[in-house]
Amino acid sequence: MTTAVTVRNFLLSELHWDETKGALTPEFGLIENHVVDSMGLLMLVSFVEQQFGIELADEELVPANFGTIASIASLVDKKMLDRGRAGA
């Protein structure tokens, strides 16, 4: 399962996004379309850190990184790649 699919499934199951409000595509705006609010963002950050075994720095918690499923997946994939390089 890809990072994007994992994040999408979390949004659908845990944040109870009703897809009739808009298709939850990789580029669908999560903040402006009210998929996540401040509490949902905290839940999402916690999920991402636990699910993928990464730590997110405060400066990474910005709309540019959490505005879409694609941007979240890109951040997670980069962090996991960087972690893999550090362990090599």
PDB file of N, CA and C in Angstrom:
ATOM      1  N   MET A   1       0.847  -1.177   0.000  1.00  0.00           N
ATOM      2  CA  MET A   1       0.000   0.000   0.000  1.00  0.00           C
ATOM      3  C   MET A   1       0.892   1.240   0.000  1.00  0.00           C
ATOM      4  N   THR A   2       0.584   2.195  -0.814  1.00  0.00           N
ATOM      5  CA  THR A   2       1.403   3.403  -0.898  1.00  0.00           C
ATOM      6  C   THR A   2       1.139   4.317   0.298  1.00  0.00           C
ATOM      7  N   THR A   3       2.039   5.241   0.497  1.00  0.00           N
ATOM      8  CA  THR A   3       1.880   6.235   1.566  1.00  0.00           C
ATOM      9  C   THR A   3       0.591   7.016   1.371  1.00  0.00           C
ATOM     10  N   ALA A   4       0.332   7.453   0.144  1.00  0.00           N
ATOM     11  CA  ALA A   4      -0.868   8.247  -0.138  1.00  0.00           C
ATOM     12  C   ALA A   4      -2.140   7.465   0.177  1.00  0.00           C
ATOM     13  N   VAL A   5      -2.181   6.196  -0.179  1.00  0.00           N
ATOM     14  CA  VAL A   5      -3.365   5.373   0.094  1.00  0.00           C
ATOM     15  C   VAL A   5      -3.542   5.187   1.603  1.00  0.00           C
ATOM     16  N   THR A   6      -2.461   4.990   2.314  1.00  0.00           N
ATOM     17  CA  THR A   6      -2.522   4.835   3.774  1.00  0.00           C
ATOM     18  C   THR A   6      -3.080   6.097   4.423  1.00  0.00           C
ATOM     19  N   VAL A   7      -2.601   7.252   3.994  1.00  0.00           N
ATOM     20  CA  VAL A   7      -3.086   8.530   4.545  1.00  0.00           C
ATOM     21  C   VAL A   7      -4.552   8.736   4.176  1.00  0.00           C
ATOM     22  N   ARG A   8      -4.911   8.446   2.934  1.00  0.00           N
ATOM     23  CA  ARG A   8      -6.302   8.596   2.487  1.00  0.00           C
ATOM     24  C   ARG A   8      -7.225   7.713   3.316  1.00  0.00           C
ATOM     25  N   ASN A   9      -6.833   6.477   3.538  1.00  0.00           N
ATOM     26  CA  ASN A   9      -7.654   5.558   4.329  1.00  0.00           C
ATOM     27  C   ASN A   9      -7.838   6.066   5.753  1.00  0.00           C
ATOM     28  N   PHE A  10      -6.778   6.667   6.322  1.00  0.00           N
ATOM     29  CA  PHE A  10      -6.891   7.249   7.658  1.00  0.00           C
ATOM     30  C   PHE A  10      -7.925   8.379   7.665  1.00  0.00           C
ATOM     31  N   LEU A  11      -7.859   9.249   6.677  1.00  0.00           N
ATOM     32  CA  LEU A  11      -8.798  10.370   6.613  1.00  0.00           C
ATOM     33  C   LEU A  11     -10.236   9.877   6.495  1.00  0.00           C
ATOM     34  N   LEU A  12     -10.437   8.844   5.719  1.00  0.00           N
ATOM     35  CA  LEU A  12     -11.785   8.303   5.542  1.00  0.00           C
ATOM     36  C   LEU A  12     -12.289   7.587   6.790  1.00  0.00           C
ATOM     37  N   SER A  13     -11.432   6.803   7.421  1.00  0.00           N
ATOM     38  CA  SER A  13     -11.894   5.999   8.546  1.00  0.00           C
ATOM     39  C   SER A  13     -11.863   6.737   9.883  1.00  0.00           C
ATOM     40  N   GLU A  14     -10.780   7.433  10.157  1.00  0.00           N
ATOM     41  CA  GLU A  14     -10.633   8.059  11.475  1.00  0.00           C
ATOM     42  C   GLU A  14     -11.200   9.479  11.555  1.00  0.00           C
ATOM     43  N   LEU A  15     -11.112  10.212  10.465  1.00  0.00           N
ATOM     44  CA  LEU A  15     -11.651  11.583  10.482  1.00  0.00           C
ATOM     45  C   LEU A  15     -13.032  11.638   9.850  1.00  0.00           C
ATOM     46  N   HIS A  16     -13.505  10.486   9.404  1.00  0.00           N
ATOM     47  CA  HIS A  16     -14.872  10.329   8.907  1.00  0.00           C
ATOM     48  C   HIS A  16     -15.232  11.310   7.790  1.00  0.00           C
ATOM     49  N   TRP A  17     -14.317  11.466   6.843  1.00  0.00           N
ATOM     50  CA  TRP A  17     -14.601  12.346   5.707  1.00  0.00           C
ATOM     51  C   TRP A  17     -15.693  11.717   4.855  1.00  0.00           C
ATOM     52  N   ASP A  18     -16.699  12.508   4.562  1.00  0.00           N
ATOM     53  CA  ASP A  18     -17.806  12.069   3.719  1.00  0.00           C
ATOM     54  C   ASP A  18     -17.464  12.426   2.279  1.00  0.00           C
ATOM     55  N   GLU A  19     -17.144  11.425   1.475  1.00  0.00           N
ATOM     56  CA  GLU A  19     -16.684  11.682   0.111  1.00  0.00           C
ATOM     57  C   GLU A  19     -17.729  12.364  -0.763  1.00  0.00           C
ATOM     58  N   THR A  20     -18.974  12.385  -0.352  1.00  0.00           N
ATOM     59  CA  THR A  20     -19.970  13.078  -1.158  1.00  0.00           C
ATOM     60  C   THR A  20     -19.724  14.593  -1.137  1.00  0.00           C
ATOM     61  N   LYS A  21     -18.906  15.038  -0.189  1.00  0.00           N
ATOM     62  CA  LYS A  21     -18.550  16.459  -0.113  1.00  0.00           C
ATOM     63  C   LYS A  21     -17.456  16.821  -1.115  1.00  0.00           C
ATOM     64  N   GLY A  22     -16.824  15.841  -1.700  1.00  0.00           N
ATOM     65  CA  GLY A  22     -15.753  16.066  -2.659  1.00  0.00           C
ATOM     66  C   GLY A  22     -14.849  14.860  -2.713  1.00  0.00           C
ATOM     67  N   ALA A  23     -14.352  14.580  -3.878  1.00  0.00           N
ATOM     68  CA  ALA A  23     -13.482  13.424  -4.051  1.00  0.00           C
ATOM     69  C   ALA A  23     -12.164  13.657  -3.329  1.00  0.00           C
ATOM     70  N   LEU A  24     -11.756  12.690  -2.580  1.00  0.00           N
ATOM     71  CA  LEU A  24     -10.529  12.804  -1.794  1.00  0.00           C
ATOM     72  C   LEU A  24      -9.355  12.319  -2.647  1.00  0.00           C
ATOM     73  N   THR A  25      -9.025  13.119  -3.642  1.00  0.00           N
ATOM     74  CA  THR A  25      -7.926  12.814  -4.555  1.00  0.00           C
ATOM     75  C   THR A  25      -6.615  13.272  -3.917  1.00  0.00           C
ATOM     76  N   PRO A  26      -5.475  12.859  -4.476  1.00  0.00           N
ATOM     77  CA  PRO A  26      -4.190  13.280  -3.912  1.00  0.00           C
ATOM     78  C   PRO A  26      -4.004  14.794  -3.844  1.00  0.00           C
ATOM     79  N   GLU A  27      -4.630  15.538  -4.740  1.00  0.00           N
ATOM     80  CA  GLU A  27      -4.455  16.994  -4.773  1.00  0.00           C
ATOM     81  C   GLU A  27      -5.615  17.778  -4.142  1.00  0.00           C
ATOM     82  N   PHE A  28      -6.592  17.087  -3.581  1.00  0.00           N
ATOM     83  CA  PHE A  28      -7.743  17.729  -2.951  1.00  0.00           C
ATOM     84  C   PHE A  28      -7.287  18.492  -1.721  1.00  0.00           C
ATOM     85  N   GLY A  29      -7.627  19.754  -1.619  1.00  0.00           N
ATOM     86  CA  GLY A  29      -7.210  20.593  -0.496  1.00  0.00           C
ATOM     87  C   GLY A  29      -7.848  20.153   0.814  1.00  0.00           C
ATOM     88  N   LEU A  30      -7.027  19.680   1.732  1.00  0.00           N
ATOM     89  CA  LEU A  30      -7.541  19.145   2.992  1.00  0.00           C
ATOM     90  C   LEU A  30      -7.977  20.214   3.970  1.00  0.00           C
ATOM     91  N   ILE A  31      -7.267  21.314   3.990  1.00  0.00           N
ATOM     92  CA  ILE A  31      -7.573  22.372   4.956  1.00  0.00           C
ATOM     93  C   ILE A  31      -8.727  23.238   4.464  1.00  0.00           C
ATOM     94  N   GLU A  32      -8.618  23.732   3.228  1.00  0.00           N
ATOM     95  CA  GLU A  32      -9.661  24.625   2.721  1.00  0.00           C
ATOM     96  C   GLU A  32     -10.987  23.925   2.486  1.00  0.00           C
ATOM     97  N   ASN A  33     -10.971  22.609   2.336  1.00  0.00           N
ATOM     98  CA  ASN A  33     -12.213  21.852   2.155  1.00  0.00           C
ATOM     99  C   ASN A  33     -12.685  21.209   3.456  1.00  0.00           C
ATOM    100  N   HIS A  34     -12.058  21.601   4.555  1.00  0.00           N
ATOM    101  CA  HIS A  34     -12.472  21.197   5.906  1.00  0.00           C
ATOM    102  C   HIS A  34     -12.427  19.683   6.130  1.00  0.00           C
ATOM    103  N   VAL A  35     -11.490  19.026   5.461  1.00  0.00           N
ATOM    104  CA  VAL A  35     -11.271  17.608   5.730  1.00  0.00           C
ATOM    105  C   VAL A  35     -10.591  17.477   7.086  1.00  0.00           C
ATOM    106  N   VAL A  36      -9.631  18.354   7.352  1.00  0.00           N
ATOM    107  CA  VAL A  36      -8.971  18.380   8.654  1.00  0.00           C
ATOM    108  C   VAL A  36      -9.142  19.750   9.287  1.00  0.00           C
ATOM    109  N   ASP A  37      -9.372  19.731  10.583  1.00  0.00           N
ATOM    110  CA  ASP A  37      -9.366  20.950  11.383  1.00  0.00           C
ATOM    111  C   ASP A  37      -8.170  20.848  12.319  1.00  0.00           C
ATOM    112  N   SER A  38      -8.074  21.700  13.314  1.00  0.00           N
ATOM    113  CA  SER A  38      -6.890  21.680  14.178  1.00  0.00           C
ATOM    114  C   SER A  38      -6.762  20.352  14.931  1.00  0.00           C
ATOM    115  N   MET A  39      -7.868  19.812  15.432  1.00  0.00           N
ATOM    116  CA  MET A  39      -7.821  18.524  16.131  1.00  0.00           C
ATOM    117  C   MET A  39      -7.487  17.400  15.146  1.00  0.00           C
ATOM    118  N   GLY A  40      -8.084  17.455  13.972  1.00  0.00           N
ATOM    119  CA  GLY A  40      -7.802  16.447  12.950  1.00  0.00           C
ATOM    120  C   GLY A  40      -6.350  16.472  12.517  1.00  0.00           C
ATOM    121  N   LEU A  41      -5.768  17.653  12.469  1.00  0.00           N
ATOM    122  CA  LEU A  41      -4.363  17.775  12.093  1.00  0.00           C
ATOM    123  C   LEU A  41      -3.472  17.123  13.146  1.00  0.00           C
ATOM    124  N   LEU A  42      -3.791  17.322  14.409  1.00  0.00           N
ATOM    125  CA  LEU A  42      -3.026  16.675  15.479  1.00  0.00           C
ATOM    126  C   LEU A  42      -3.134  15.152  15.374  1.00  0.00           C
ATOM    127  N   MET A  43      -4.329  14.667  15.104  1.00  0.00           N
ATOM    128  CA  MET A  43      -4.528  13.228  14.942  1.00  0.00           C
ATOM    129  C   MET A  43      -3.746  12.706  13.736  1.00  0.00           C
ATOM    130  N   LEU A  44      -3.775  13.466  12.659  1.00  0.00           N
ATOM    131  CA  LEU A  44      -3.077  13.077  11.435  1.00  0.00           C
ATOM    132  C   LEU A  44      -1.568  13.035  11.653  1.00  0.00           C
ATOM    133  N   VAL A  45      -1.021  14.039  12.308  1.00  0.00           N
ATOM    134  CA  VAL A  45       0.418  14.079  12.593  1.00  0.00           C
ATOM    135  C   VAL A  45       0.810  12.892  13.460  1.00  0.00           C
ATOM    136  N   SER A  46       0.038  12.623  14.500  1.00  0.00           N
ATOM    137  CA  SER A  46       0.318  11.489  15.384  1.00  0.00           C
ATOM    138  C   SER A  46       0.260  10.174  14.605  1.00  0.00           C
ATOM    139  N   PHE A  47      -0.746  10.027  13.767  1.00  0.00           N
ATOM    140  CA  PHE A  47      -0.878   8.817  12.950  1.00  0.00           C
ATOM    141  C   PHE A  47       0.326   8.642  12.032  1.00  0.00           C
ATOM    142  N   VAL A  48       0.705   9.699  11.336  1.00  0.00           N
ATOM    143  CA  VAL A  48       1.820   9.631  10.390  1.00  0.00           C
ATOM    144  C   VAL A  48       3.106   9.232  11.109  1.00  0.00           C
ATOM    145  N   GLU A  49       3.366   9.856  12.251  1.00  0.00           N
ATOM    146  CA  GLU A  49       4.585   9.537  12.992  1.00  0.00           C
ATOM    147  C   GLU A  49       4.598   8.071  13.438  1.00  0.00           C
ATOM    148  N   GLN A  50       3.488   7.599  13.958  1.00  0.00           N
ATOM    149  CA  GLN A  50       3.416   6.222  14.448  1.00  0.00           C
ATOM    150  C   GLN A  50       3.406   5.217  13.303  1.00  0.00           C
ATOM    151  N   GLN A  51       2.614   5.468  12.299  1.00  0.00           N
ATOM    152  CA  GLN A  51       2.459   4.525  11.189  1.00  0.00           C
ATOM    153  C   GLN A  51       3.755   4.326  10.410  1.00  0.00           C
ATOM    154  N   PHE A  52       4.482   5.422  10.205  1.00  0.00           N
ATOM    155  CA  PHE A  52       5.663   5.360   9.350  1.00  0.00           C
ATOM    156  C   PHE A  52       6.980   5.411  10.127  1.00  0.00           C
ATOM    157  N   GLY A  53       6.900   5.505  11.454  1.00  0.00           N
ATOM    158  CA  GLY A  53       8.098   5.483  12.271  1.00  0.00           C
ATOM    159  C   GLY A  53       9.018   6.667  12.051  1.00  0.00           C
ATOM    160  N   ILE A  54       8.412   7.842  11.886  1.00  0.00           N
ATOM    161  CA  ILE A  54       9.199   9.062  11.665  1.00  0.00           C
ATOM    162  C   ILE A  54       8.842  10.083  12.736  1.00  0.00           C
ATOM    163  N   GLU A  55       9.697  11.088  12.864  1.00  0.00           N
ATOM    164  CA  GLU A  55       9.415  12.223  13.740  1.00  0.00           C
ATOM    165  C   GLU A  55       9.346  13.466  12.877  1.00  0.00           C
ATOM    166  N   LEU A  56       8.321  14.258  13.116  1.00  0.00           N
ATOM    167  CA  LEU A  56       8.153  15.503  12.376  1.00  0.00           C
ATOM    168  C   LEU A  56       8.552  16.669  13.260  1.00  0.00           C
ATOM    169  N   ALA A  57       9.388  17.534  12.729  1.00  0.00           N
ATOM    170  CA  ALA A  57       9.811  18.726  13.455  1.00  0.00           C
ATOM    171  C   ALA A  57       8.705  19.778  13.386  1.00  0.00           C
ATOM    172  N   ASP A  58       8.682  20.657  14.369  1.00  0.00           N
ATOM    173  CA  ASP A  58       7.669  21.710  14.402  1.00  0.00           C
ATOM    174  C   ASP A  58       7.633  22.507  13.098  1.00  0.00           C
ATOM    175  N   GLU A  59       8.801  22.778  12.527  1.00  0.00           N
ATOM    176  CA  GLU A  59       8.840  23.594  11.310  1.00  0.00           C
ATOM    177  C   GLU A  59       8.290  22.853  10.086  1.00  0.00           C
ATOM    178  N   GLU A  60       8.079  21.551  10.209  1.00  0.00           N
ATOM    179  CA  GLU A  60       7.492  20.775   9.118  1.00  0.00           C
ATOM    180  C   GLU A  60       5.962  20.760   9.168  1.00  0.00           C
ATOM    181  N   LEU A  61       5.405  21.224  10.269  1.00  0.00           N
ATOM    182  CA  LEU A  61       3.957  21.219  10.454  1.00  0.00           C
ATOM    183  C   LEU A  61       3.336  22.486   9.881  1.00  0.00           C
ATOM    184  N   VAL A  62       3.422  22.603   8.566  1.00  0.00           N
ATOM    185  CA  VAL A  62       2.928  23.775   7.852  1.00  0.00           C
ATOM    186  C   VAL A  62       1.954  23.329   6.759  1.00  0.00           C
ATOM    187  N   PRO A  63       1.058  24.222   6.347  1.00  0.00           N
ATOM    188  CA  PRO A  63       0.093  23.865   5.307  1.00  0.00           C
ATOM    189  C   PRO A  63       0.726  23.315   4.022  1.00  0.00           C
ATOM    190  N   ALA A  64       1.904  23.767   3.677  1.00  0.00           N
ATOM    191  CA  ALA A  64       2.555  23.263   2.468  1.00  0.00           C
ATOM    192  C   ALA A  64       2.820  21.766   2.557  1.00  0.00           C
ATOM    193  N   ASN A  65       3.037  21.252   3.759  1.00  0.00           N
ATOM    194  CA  ASN A  65       3.296  19.823   3.947  1.00  0.00           C
ATOM    195  C   ASN A  65       2.043  19.018   4.259  1.00  0.00           C
ATOM    196  N   PHE A  66       0.983  19.674   4.709  1.00  0.00           N
ATOM    197  CA  PHE A  66      -0.230  18.970   5.109  1.00  0.00           C
ATOM    198  C   PHE A  66      -1.476  19.461   4.373  1.00  0.00           C
ATOM    199  N   GLY A  67      -1.289  20.144   3.272  1.00  0.00           N
ATOM    200  CA  GLY A  67      -2.414  20.690   2.521  1.00  0.00           C
ATOM    201  C   GLY A  67      -3.125  19.687   1.650  1.00  0.00           C
ATOM    202  N   THR A  68      -2.420  18.653   1.223  1.00  0.00           N
ATOM    203  CA  THR A  68      -3.012  17.621   0.367  1.00  0.00           C
ATOM    204  C   THR A  68      -2.450  16.261   0.762  1.00  0.00           C
ATOM    205  N   ILE A  69      -3.109  15.231   0.316  1.00  0.00           N
ATOM    206  CA  ILE A  69      -2.587  13.886   0.543  1.00  0.00           C
ATOM    207  C   ILE A  69      -1.240  13.744  -0.151  1.00  0.00           C
ATOM    208  N   ALA A  70      -1.110  14.296  -1.344  1.00  0.00           N
ATOM    209  CA  ALA A  70       0.149  14.216  -2.094  1.00  0.00           C
ATOM    210  C   ALA A  70       1.290  14.888  -1.335  1.00  0.00           C
ATOM    211  N   SER A  71       1.036  16.046  -0.721  1.00  0.00           N
ATOM    212  CA  SER A  71       2.105  16.740   0.003  1.00  0.00           C
ATOM    213  C   SER A  71       2.499  15.979   1.273  1.00  0.00           C
ATOM    214  N   ILE A  72       1.527  15.356   1.936  1.00  0.00           N
ATOM    215  CA  ILE A  72       1.832  14.545   3.119  1.00  0.00           C
ATOM    216  C   ILE A  72       2.674  13.343   2.709  1.00  0.00           C
ATOM    217  N   ALA A  73       2.246  12.665   1.650  1.00  0.00           N
ATOM    218  CA  ALA A  73       2.975  11.478   1.168  1.00  0.00           C
ATOM    219  C   ALA A  73       4.395  11.844   0.763  1.00  0.00           C
ATOM    220  N   SER A  74       4.565  12.980   0.117  1.00  0.00           N
ATOM    221  CA  SER A  74       5.894  13.427  -0.297  1.00  0.00           C
ATOM    222  C   SER A  74       6.787  13.661   0.917  1.00  0.00           C
ATOM    223  N   LEU A  75       6.255  14.331   1.937  1.00  0.00           N
ATOM    224  CA  LEU A  75       7.010  14.582   3.166  1.00  0.00           C
ATOM    225  C   LEU A  75       7.386  13.275   3.841  1.00  0.00           C
ATOM    226  N   VAL A  76       6.428  12.377   3.994  1.00  0.00           N
ATOM    227  CA  VAL A  76       6.675  11.099   4.660  1.00  0.00           C
ATOM    228  C   VAL A  76       7.716  10.288   3.889  1.00  0.00           C
ATOM    229  N   ASP A  77       7.547  10.204   2.579  1.00  0.00           N
ATOM    230  CA  ASP A  77       8.481   9.427   1.767  1.00  0.00           C
ATOM    231  C   ASP A  77       9.894   9.990   1.852  1.00  0.00           C
ATOM    232  N   LYS A  78      10.014  11.315   1.876  1.00  0.00           N
ATOM    233  CA  LYS A  78      11.332  11.949   1.990  1.00  0.00           C
ATOM    234  C   LYS A  78      11.951  11.635   3.350  1.00  0.00           C
ATOM    235  N   LYS A  79      11.143  11.730   4.418  1.00  0.00           N
ATOM    236  CA  LYS A  79      11.655  11.451   5.765  1.00  0.00           C
ATOM    237  C   LYS A  79      12.100   9.995   5.872  1.00  0.00           C
ATOM    238  N   MET A  80      11.345   9.087   5.292  1.00  0.00           N
ATOM    239  CA  MET A  80      11.699   7.675   5.357  1.00  0.00           C
ATOM    240  C   MET A  80      12.963   7.390   4.538  1.00  0.00           C
ATOM    241  N   LEU A  81      13.102   8.057   3.405  1.00  0.00           N
ATOM    242  CA  LEU A  81      14.305   7.903   2.583  1.00  0.00           C
ATOM    243  C   LEU A  81      15.506   8.436   3.336  1.00  0.00           C
ATOM    244  N   ASP A  82      15.369   9.613   3.947  1.00  0.00           N
ATOM    245  CA  ASP A  82      16.454  10.208   4.732  1.00  0.00           C
ATOM    246  C   ASP A  82      16.839   9.312   5.898  1.00  0.00           C
ATOM    247  N   ARG A  83      15.849   8.714   6.549  1.00  0.00           N
ATOM    248  CA  ARG A  83      16.097   7.802   7.668  1.00  0.00           C
ATOM    249  C   ARG A  83      16.870   6.580   7.180  1.00  0.00           C
ATOM    250  N   GLY A  84      16.503   6.078   6.010  1.00  0.00           N
ATOM    251  CA  GLY A  84      17.201   4.935   5.432  1.00  0.00           C
ATOM    252  C   GLY A  84      18.648   5.249   5.109  1.00  0.00           C
ATOM    253  N   ARG A  85      18.905   6.453   4.626  1.00  0.00           N
ATOM    254  CA  ARG A  85      20.279   6.875   4.325  1.00  0.00           C
ATOM    255  C   ARG A  85      21.101   6.998   5.596  1.00  0.00           C
ATOM    256  N   ALA A  86      20.470   7.488   6.650  1.00  0.00           N
ATOM    257  CA  ALA A  86      21.190   7.684   7.911  1.00  0.00           C
ATOM    258  C   ALA A  86      21.562   6.341   8.533  1.00  0.00           C
ATOM    259  N   GLY A  87      20.754   5.319   8.291  1.00  0.00           N
ATOM    260  CA  GLY A  87      21.018   4.015   8.860  1.00  0.00           C
ATOM    261  C   GLY A  87      21.977   3.180   8.005  1.00  0.00           C
ATOM    262  N   ALA A  88      22.293   3.679   6.817  1.00  0.00           N
ATOM    263  CA  ALA A  88      23.144   2.882   5.903  1.00  0.00           C
ATOM    264  C   ALA A  88      24.610   3.044   6.239  1.00  0.00           C
TER     265      ALA A  88
END
